[in-house]
Structures are given as structure tokens and as C-alpha cells.
Amino acid sequence: MNIILFYITTNQIMYFTIRYFCFNSVIFETITL
């Protein structure tokens, strides 16, 4: 059970991190252009 919980938490962290970096790069490109 702990392994499944750890897997779900890791997936959520990676998902939000990827979304955060994509969002930042979009803003950066908009400002640069």
C-alpha cells in the first residue's frame, strides 16, 4: 500500500513540475517575442 501511495505522489509531483516548466517557458517565449 505504501508503494502505491508513493507511486501516485511521485506521479503527481512530476506532472505538476512538467506543467509548471511548460507554463514558464510559454510565458518566457511570449515576453521575448
PDB file of N, CA and C in Angstrom:
ATOM      1  N   MET A   1       0.846  -1.204   0.000  1.00  0.00           N
ATOM      2  CA  MET A   1       0.000   0.000   0.000  1.00  0.00           C
ATOM      3  C   MET A   1       0.882   1.255   0.000  1.00  0.00           C
ATOM      4  N   ASN A   2       1.930   1.256   0.764  1.00  0.00           N
ATOM      5  CA  ASN A   2       2.816   2.420   0.797  1.00  0.00           C
ATOM      6  C   ASN A   2       3.491   2.640  -0.547  1.00  0.00           C
ATOM      7  N   ILE A   3       3.815   1.548  -1.224  1.00  0.00           N
ATOM      8  CA  ILE A   3       4.481   1.666  -2.530  1.00  0.00           C
ATOM      9  C   ILE A   3       3.529   2.312  -3.539  1.00  0.00           C
ATOM     10  N   ILE A   4       2.270   1.926  -3.508  1.00  0.00           N
ATOM     11  CA  ILE A   4       1.282   2.503  -4.436  1.00  0.00           C
ATOM     12  C   ILE A   4       1.105   3.991  -4.129  1.00  0.00           C
ATOM     13  N   LEU A   5       1.017   4.319  -2.856  1.00  0.00           N
ATOM     14  CA  LEU A   5       0.856   5.723  -2.459  1.00  0.00           C
ATOM     15  C   LEU A   5       2.068   6.538  -2.901  1.00  0.00           C
ATOM     16  N   PHE A   6       3.253   5.967  -2.718  1.00  0.00           N
ATOM     17  CA  PHE A   6       4.475   6.652  -3.134  1.00  0.00           C
ATOM     18  C   PHE A   6       4.482   6.863  -4.643  1.00  0.00           C
ATOM     19  N   TYR A   7       4.028   5.852  -5.386  1.00  0.00           N
ATOM     20  CA  TYR A   7       3.994   5.953  -6.850  1.00  0.00           C
ATOM     21  C   TYR A   7       3.044   7.062  -7.292  1.00  0.00           C
ATOM     22  N   ILE A   8       1.881   7.133  -6.675  1.00  0.00           N
ATOM     23  CA  ILE A   8       0.891   8.166  -7.035  1.00  0.00           C
ATOM     24  C   ILE A   8       1.438   9.554  -6.699  1.00  0.00           C
ATOM     25  N   THR A   9       2.049   9.696  -5.536  1.00  0.00           N
ATOM     26  CA  THR A   9       2.589  11.000  -5.143  1.00  0.00           C
ATOM     27  C   THR A   9       3.691  11.434  -6.091  1.00  0.00           C
ATOM     28  N   THR A  10       4.562  10.508  -6.465  1.00  0.00           N
ATOM     29  CA  THR A  10       5.653  10.840  -7.381  1.00  0.00           C
ATOM     30  C   THR A  10       5.099  11.257  -8.738  1.00  0.00           C
ATOM     31  N   ASN A  11       4.071  10.568  -9.203  1.00  0.00           N
ATOM     32  CA  ASN A  11       3.466  10.924 -10.486  1.00  0.00           C
ATOM     33  C   ASN A  11       2.867  12.325 -10.434  1.00  0.00           C
ATOM     34  N   GLN A  12       2.194  12.653  -9.344  1.00  0.00           N
ATOM     35  CA  GLN A  12       1.597  13.985  -9.225  1.00  0.00           C
ATOM     36  C   GLN A  12       2.676  15.059  -9.190  1.00  0.00           C
ATOM     37  N   ILE A  13       3.744  14.812  -8.465  1.00  0.00           N
ATOM     38  CA  ILE A  13       4.833  15.801  -8.377  1.00  0.00           C
ATOM     39  C   ILE A  13       5.445  16.013  -9.757  1.00  0.00           C
ATOM     40  N   MET A  14       5.716  14.937 -10.472  1.00  0.00           N
ATOM     41  CA  MET A  14       6.301  15.068 -11.810  1.00  0.00           C
ATOM     42  C   MET A  14       5.335  15.786 -12.745  1.00  0.00           C
ATOM     43  N   TYR A  15       4.035  15.463 -12.635  1.00  0.00           N
ATOM     44  CA  TYR A  15       3.042  16.080 -13.507  1.00  0.00           C
ATOM     45  C   TYR A  15       2.989  17.592 -13.286  1.00  0.00           C
ATOM     46  N   PHE A  16       2.938  18.009 -12.031  1.00  0.00           N
ATOM     47  CA  PHE A  16       2.864  19.443 -11.744  1.00  0.00           C
ATOM     48  C   PHE A  16       4.167  20.150 -12.097  1.00  0.00           C
ATOM     49  N   THR A  17       5.287  19.461 -11.909  1.00  0.00           N
ATOM     50  CA  THR A  17       6.574  20.067 -12.269  1.00  0.00           C
ATOM     51  C   THR A  17       6.647  20.295 -13.772  1.00  0.00           C
ATOM     52  N   ILE A  18       6.214  19.308 -14.550  1.00  0.00           N
ATOM     53  CA  ILE A  18       6.246  19.441 -16.012  1.00  0.00           C
ATOM     54  C   ILE A  18       5.304  20.565 -16.449  1.00  0.00           C
ATOM     55  N   ARG A  19       4.115  20.604 -15.875  1.00  0.00           N
ATOM     56  CA  ARG A  19       3.174  21.678 -16.230  1.00  0.00           C
ATOM     57  C   ARG A  19       3.748  23.042 -15.851  1.00  0.00           C
ATOM     58  N   TYR A  20       4.390  23.126 -14.697  1.00  0.00           N
ATOM     59  CA  TYR A  20       4.959  24.398 -14.235  1.00  0.00           C
ATOM     60  C   TYR A  20       6.039  24.885 -15.193  1.00  0.00           C
ATOM     61  N   PHE A  21       6.923  23.975 -15.609  1.00  0.00           N
ATOM     62  CA  PHE A  21       8.004  24.379 -16.506  1.00  0.00           C
ATOM     63  C   PHE A  21       7.464  24.730 -17.890  1.00  0.00           C
ATOM     64  N   CYS A  22       6.470  24.005 -18.367  1.00  0.00           N
ATOM     65  CA  CYS A  22       5.879  24.324 -19.673  1.00  0.00           C
ATOM     66  C   CYS A  22       5.218  25.701 -19.615  1.00  0.00           C
ATOM     67  N   PHE A  23       4.514  25.973 -18.542  1.00  0.00           N
ATOM     68  CA  PHE A  23       3.849  27.264 -18.381  1.00  0.00           C
ATOM     69  C   PHE A  23       4.877  28.390 -18.366  1.00  0.00           C
ATOM     70  N   ASN A  24       5.980  28.185 -17.646  1.00  0.00           N
ATOM     71  CA  ASN A  24       7.021  29.209 -17.567  1.00  0.00           C
ATOM     72  C   ASN A  24       7.669  29.440 -18.920  1.00  0.00           C
ATOM     73  N   SER A  25       7.913  28.389 -19.676  1.00  0.00           N
ATOM     74  CA  SER A  25       8.562  28.556 -20.976  1.00  0.00           C
ATOM     75  C   SER A  25       7.634  29.291 -21.940  1.00  0.00           C
ATOM     76  N   VAL A  26       6.334  29.047 -21.844  1.00  0.00           N
ATOM     77  CA  VAL A  26       5.380  29.751 -22.708  1.00  0.00           C
ATOM     78  C   VAL A  26       5.399  31.241 -22.373  1.00  0.00           C
ATOM     79  N   ILE A  27       5.384  31.576 -21.097  1.00  0.00           N
ATOM     80  CA  ILE A  27       5.432  32.989 -20.685  1.00  0.00           C
ATOM     81  C   ILE A  27       6.745  33.618 -21.144  1.00  0.00           C
ATOM     82  N   PHE A  28       7.830  32.883 -20.990  1.00  0.00           N
ATOM     83  CA  PHE A  28       9.141  33.411 -21.380  1.00  0.00           C
ATOM     84  C   PHE A  28       9.178  33.694 -22.882  1.00  0.00           C
ATOM     85  N   GLU A  29       8.644  32.787 -23.682  1.00  0.00           N
ATOM     86  CA  GLU A  29       8.631  32.995 -25.135  1.00  0.00           C
ATOM     87  C   GLU A  29       7.748  34.184 -25.499  1.00  0.00           C
ATOM     88  N   THR A  30       6.637  34.332 -24.819  1.00  0.00           N
ATOM     89  CA  THR A  30       5.736  35.454 -25.109  1.00  0.00           C
ATOM     90  C   THR A  30       6.422  36.782 -24.786  1.00  0.00           C
ATOM     91  N   ILE A  31       7.113  36.835 -23.661  1.00  0.00           N
ATOM     92  CA  ILE A  31       7.807  38.077 -23.276  1.00  0.00           C
ATOM     93  C   ILE A  31       8.936  38.368 -24.270  1.00  0.00           C
ATOM     94  N   THR A  32       9.646  37.317 -24.678  1.00  0.00           N
ATOM     95  CA  THR A  32      10.781  37.513 -25.583  1.00  0.00           C
ATOM     96  C   THR A  32      10.304  37.996 -26.954  1.00  0.00           C
ATOM     97  N   LEU A  33       9.204  37.445 -27.420  1.00  0.00           N
ATOM     98  CA  LEU A  33       8.697  37.861 -28.725  1.00  0.00           C
ATOM     99  C   LEU A  33       8.030  39.230 -28.608  1.00  0.00           C
TER     100      LEU A  33
END
